[in-house]
Amino acid sequence: MEDAGVGWVAAIIIGGIAGWLAEKFMNSNMGLLMNIILGIVGAIVANAILAGLGITLAGWLGYLIAGFVGACLLIAVGRVIRR
């Protein structure tokens, strides 16, 4: 997370916001802790995928975008696995 220029506390806050936005966008129902986890893990996953494509996102806005996209991907994958 430090690579994105975001500290631990900011990563938790931004991850929570990204997870909450993804939860609303994907019409899912999860708690605060799961939103934070999805946002943080989603940002890591999305940043890894984007880095493979040669795209880098930096700062809190980049972390929020990556967290949102990654969390949406994780929710979609979770739905596919549960079926």
N, C-alpha and C. Protein backbone atom coordinates (compact mmCIF):
# COMPACT_ATOMS: atom_id res chain seq x y z
N MET A 1 0.80 -1.18 0.00
CA MET A 1 0.00 0.00 0.00
C MET A 1 0.85 1.26 0.00
N GLU A 2 2.01 1.17 0.55
CA GLU A 2 2.89 2.33 0.58
C GLU A 2 3.34 2.71 -0.83
N ASP A 3 3.32 1.75 -1.76
CA ASP A 3 3.73 2.04 -3.13
C ASP A 3 2.80 3.07 -3.77
N ALA A 4 1.54 3.06 -3.38
CA ALA A 4 0.57 3.98 -3.97
C ALA A 4 0.64 5.36 -3.31
N GLY A 5 1.53 5.54 -2.36
CA GLY A 5 1.64 6.82 -1.69
C GLY A 5 0.56 7.03 -0.65
N VAL A 6 -0.02 5.95 -0.15
CA VAL A 6 -1.11 6.02 0.81
C VAL A 6 -0.67 5.28 2.07
N GLY A 7 -0.81 5.91 3.24
CA GLY A 7 -0.45 5.27 4.50
C GLY A 7 -1.50 4.27 4.94
N TRP A 8 -1.20 3.56 6.02
CA TRP A 8 -2.09 2.51 6.51
C TRP A 8 -3.46 3.03 6.92
N VAL A 9 -3.49 4.12 7.66
CA VAL A 9 -4.77 4.67 8.13
C VAL A 9 -5.59 5.14 6.93
N ALA A 10 -4.95 5.85 6.01
CA ALA A 10 -5.65 6.32 4.81
C ALA A 10 -6.11 5.14 3.97
N ALA A 11 -5.30 4.07 3.90
CA ALA A 11 -5.68 2.89 3.13
C ALA A 11 -6.94 2.25 3.70
N ILE A 12 -7.07 2.22 5.02
CA ILE A 12 -8.26 1.66 5.65
C ILE A 12 -9.48 2.52 5.34
N ILE A 13 -9.32 3.83 5.47
CA ILE A 13 -10.44 4.74 5.20
C ILE A 13 -10.84 4.69 3.73
N ILE A 14 -9.87 4.82 2.84
CA ILE A 14 -10.15 4.80 1.41
C ILE A 14 -10.66 3.43 0.98
N GLY A 15 -10.08 2.37 1.56
CA GLY A 15 -10.56 1.01 1.27
C GLY A 15 -12.00 0.82 1.68
N GLY A 16 -12.37 1.38 2.83
CA GLY A 16 -13.76 1.30 3.29
C GLY A 16 -14.70 2.02 2.35
N ILE A 17 -14.29 3.20 1.89
CA ILE A 17 -15.11 3.97 0.95
C ILE A 17 -15.23 3.23 -0.38
N ALA A 18 -14.10 2.72 -0.89
CA ALA A 18 -14.12 1.99 -2.16
C ALA A 18 -14.98 0.73 -2.05
N GLY A 19 -14.86 0.01 -0.94
CA GLY A 19 -15.67 -1.18 -0.73
C GLY A 19 -17.14 -0.86 -0.63
N TRP A 20 -17.47 0.25 0.06
CA TRP A 20 -18.87 0.67 0.19
C TRP A 20 -19.45 1.06 -1.17
N LEU A 21 -18.66 1.82 -1.96
CA LEU A 21 -19.11 2.20 -3.30
C LEU A 21 -19.34 0.97 -4.18
N ALA A 22 -18.42 0.01 -4.09
CA ALA A 22 -18.57 -1.22 -4.88
C ALA A 22 -19.79 -2.01 -4.41
N GLU A 23 -20.02 -2.04 -3.11
CA GLU A 23 -21.18 -2.73 -2.55
C GLU A 23 -22.48 -2.13 -3.11
N LYS A 24 -22.56 -0.81 -3.15
CA LYS A 24 -23.75 -0.14 -3.69
C LYS A 24 -23.87 -0.36 -5.19
N PHE A 25 -22.76 -0.25 -5.91
CA PHE A 25 -22.76 -0.41 -7.36
C PHE A 25 -23.15 -1.83 -7.78
N MET A 26 -22.66 -2.82 -7.05
CA MET A 26 -22.92 -4.22 -7.38
C MET A 26 -24.19 -4.74 -6.70
N ASN A 27 -24.92 -3.87 -6.00
CA ASN A 27 -26.15 -4.23 -5.30
C ASN A 27 -25.92 -5.44 -4.38
N SER A 28 -24.91 -5.30 -3.55
CA SER A 28 -24.52 -6.35 -2.62
C SER A 28 -24.82 -5.86 -1.20
N ASN A 29 -24.80 -6.75 -0.24
CA ASN A 29 -25.07 -6.35 1.14
C ASN A 29 -24.01 -6.96 2.05
N MET A 30 -23.05 -6.14 2.46
CA MET A 30 -21.97 -6.59 3.32
C MET A 30 -21.77 -5.59 4.44
N GLY A 31 -21.02 -5.96 5.43
CA GLY A 31 -20.76 -5.08 6.56
C GLY A 31 -19.57 -4.18 6.34
N LEU A 32 -19.33 -3.32 7.32
CA LEU A 32 -18.23 -2.36 7.25
C LEU A 32 -16.88 -3.05 7.12
N LEU A 33 -16.64 -4.07 7.95
CA LEU A 33 -15.35 -4.76 7.89
C LEU A 33 -15.10 -5.39 6.53
N MET A 34 -16.12 -6.03 5.96
CA MET A 34 -15.97 -6.65 4.64
C MET A 34 -15.76 -5.58 3.57
N ASN A 35 -16.40 -4.42 3.71
CA ASN A 35 -16.17 -3.33 2.75
C ASN A 35 -14.72 -2.87 2.79
N ILE A 36 -14.17 -2.72 3.99
CA ILE A 36 -12.77 -2.30 4.13
C ILE A 36 -11.84 -3.34 3.51
N ILE A 37 -12.09 -4.61 3.83
CA ILE A 37 -11.25 -5.69 3.29
C ILE A 37 -11.34 -5.73 1.77
N LEU A 38 -12.58 -5.67 1.23
CA LEU A 38 -12.76 -5.69 -0.22
C LEU A 38 -12.07 -4.50 -0.89
N GLY A 39 -12.18 -3.33 -0.29
CA GLY A 39 -11.55 -2.14 -0.86
C GLY A 39 -10.03 -2.24 -0.88
N ILE A 40 -9.45 -2.71 0.21
CA ILE A 40 -7.99 -2.82 0.29
C ILE A 40 -7.48 -3.92 -0.62
N VAL A 41 -8.07 -5.11 -0.51
CA VAL A 41 -7.63 -6.23 -1.35
C VAL A 41 -7.93 -5.93 -2.81
N GLY A 42 -9.07 -5.31 -3.06
CA GLY A 42 -9.42 -4.92 -4.43
C GLY A 42 -8.41 -3.97 -5.03
N ALA A 43 -7.94 -3.02 -4.23
CA ALA A 43 -6.93 -2.07 -4.72
C ALA A 43 -5.63 -2.79 -5.05
N ILE A 44 -5.26 -3.75 -4.23
CA ILE A 44 -4.03 -4.52 -4.48
C ILE A 44 -4.17 -5.32 -5.77
N VAL A 45 -5.31 -5.99 -5.93
CA VAL A 45 -5.56 -6.81 -7.13
C VAL A 45 -5.59 -5.93 -8.37
N ALA A 46 -6.37 -4.84 -8.32
CA ALA A 46 -6.49 -3.97 -9.48
C ALA A 46 -5.15 -3.32 -9.84
N ASN A 47 -4.37 -2.90 -8.83
CA ASN A 47 -3.06 -2.31 -9.11
C ASN A 47 -2.13 -3.32 -9.76
N ALA A 48 -2.21 -4.59 -9.33
CA ALA A 48 -1.37 -5.63 -9.93
C ALA A 48 -1.76 -5.86 -11.39
N ILE A 49 -3.06 -5.91 -11.65
CA ILE A 49 -3.53 -6.11 -13.03
C ILE A 49 -3.14 -4.91 -13.90
N LEU A 50 -3.37 -3.70 -13.38
CA LEU A 50 -3.03 -2.51 -14.14
C LEU A 50 -1.52 -2.39 -14.37
N ALA A 51 -0.72 -2.77 -13.38
CA ALA A 51 0.73 -2.73 -13.54
C ALA A 51 1.17 -3.68 -14.64
N GLY A 52 0.50 -4.82 -14.75
CA GLY A 52 0.79 -5.75 -15.84
C GLY A 52 0.48 -5.17 -17.20
N LEU A 53 -0.47 -4.24 -17.24
CA LEU A 53 -0.82 -3.57 -18.49
C LEU A 53 -0.02 -2.29 -18.70
N GLY A 54 0.86 -1.97 -17.76
CA GLY A 54 1.70 -0.78 -17.87
C GLY A 54 1.02 0.50 -17.39
N ILE A 55 -0.07 0.36 -16.63
CA ILE A 55 -0.80 1.51 -16.11
C ILE A 55 -0.56 1.61 -14.61
N THR A 56 -0.21 2.80 -14.13
CA THR A 56 -0.01 2.99 -12.70
C THR A 56 -0.94 4.10 -12.20
N LEU A 57 -1.55 3.85 -11.07
CA LEU A 57 -2.40 4.84 -10.40
C LEU A 57 -1.72 5.20 -9.09
N ALA A 58 -1.65 6.49 -8.80
CA ALA A 58 -0.97 6.92 -7.58
C ALA A 58 -1.86 7.84 -6.77
N GLY A 59 -1.54 7.97 -5.51
CA GLY A 59 -2.26 8.87 -4.62
C GLY A 59 -3.58 8.29 -4.16
N TRP A 60 -4.29 9.08 -3.37
CA TRP A 60 -5.53 8.59 -2.78
C TRP A 60 -6.62 8.38 -3.82
N LEU A 61 -6.67 9.23 -4.85
CA LEU A 61 -7.69 9.06 -5.89
C LEU A 61 -7.44 7.80 -6.71
N GLY A 62 -6.19 7.55 -7.04
CA GLY A 62 -5.84 6.33 -7.76
C GLY A 62 -6.14 5.09 -6.93
N TYR A 63 -5.86 5.18 -5.63
CA TYR A 63 -6.14 4.07 -4.73
C TYR A 63 -7.64 3.83 -4.62
N LEU A 64 -8.42 4.91 -4.58
CA LEU A 64 -9.88 4.79 -4.51
C LEU A 64 -10.43 4.14 -5.78
N ILE A 65 -9.96 4.58 -6.93
CA ILE A 65 -10.41 4.01 -8.21
C ILE A 65 -10.03 2.54 -8.30
N ALA A 66 -8.78 2.23 -7.97
CA ALA A 66 -8.32 0.84 -8.02
C ALA A 66 -9.09 -0.01 -7.01
N GLY A 67 -9.33 0.52 -5.83
CA GLY A 67 -10.09 -0.22 -4.81
C GLY A 67 -11.50 -0.50 -5.25
N PHE A 68 -12.15 0.48 -5.87
CA PHE A 68 -13.51 0.32 -6.37
C PHE A 68 -13.57 -0.74 -7.46
N VAL A 69 -12.70 -0.62 -8.45
CA VAL A 69 -12.68 -1.58 -9.56
C VAL A 69 -12.34 -2.98 -9.06
N GLY A 70 -11.32 -3.07 -8.21
CA GLY A 70 -10.92 -4.37 -7.68
C GLY A 70 -11.99 -5.00 -6.81
N ALA A 71 -12.66 -4.20 -5.98
CA ALA A 71 -13.72 -4.72 -5.13
C ALA A 71 -14.90 -5.21 -5.97
N CYS A 72 -15.23 -4.48 -7.03
CA CYS A 72 -16.29 -4.94 -7.94
C CYS A 72 -15.92 -6.28 -8.57
N LEU A 73 -14.65 -6.41 -8.98
CA LEU A 73 -14.19 -7.68 -9.54
C LEU A 73 -14.29 -8.80 -8.52
N LEU A 74 -13.88 -8.53 -7.29
CA LEU A 74 -13.94 -9.56 -6.24
C LEU A 74 -15.38 -9.97 -5.93
N ILE A 75 -16.29 -9.01 -5.90
CA ILE A 75 -17.70 -9.33 -5.67
C ILE A 75 -18.23 -10.20 -6.80
N ALA A 76 -17.89 -9.84 -8.05
CA ALA A 76 -18.34 -10.62 -9.21
C ALA A 76 -17.79 -12.04 -9.17
N VAL A 77 -16.52 -12.18 -8.83
CA VAL A 77 -15.90 -13.51 -8.74
C VAL A 77 -16.56 -14.31 -7.62
N GLY A 78 -16.83 -13.66 -6.49
CA GLY A 78 -17.51 -14.33 -5.38
C GLY A 78 -18.88 -14.84 -5.77
N ARG A 79 -19.60 -14.07 -6.56
CA ARG A 79 -20.93 -14.50 -7.03
C ARG A 79 -20.84 -15.70 -7.96
N VAL A 80 -19.83 -15.70 -8.82
CA VAL A 80 -19.65 -16.83 -9.75
C VAL A 80 -19.30 -18.10 -8.99
N ILE A 81 -18.46 -17.97 -7.99
CA ILE A 81 -18.04 -19.14 -7.20
C ILE A 81 -19.19 -19.71 -6.38
N ARG A 82 -20.04 -18.84 -5.85
CA ARG A 82 -21.16 -19.29 -5.02
C ARG A 82 -22.24 -20.01 -5.83
N ARG A 83 -22.31 -19.79 -7.12
CA ARG A 83 -23.34 -20.42 -7.95
C ARG A 83 -23.00 -21.82 -8.30
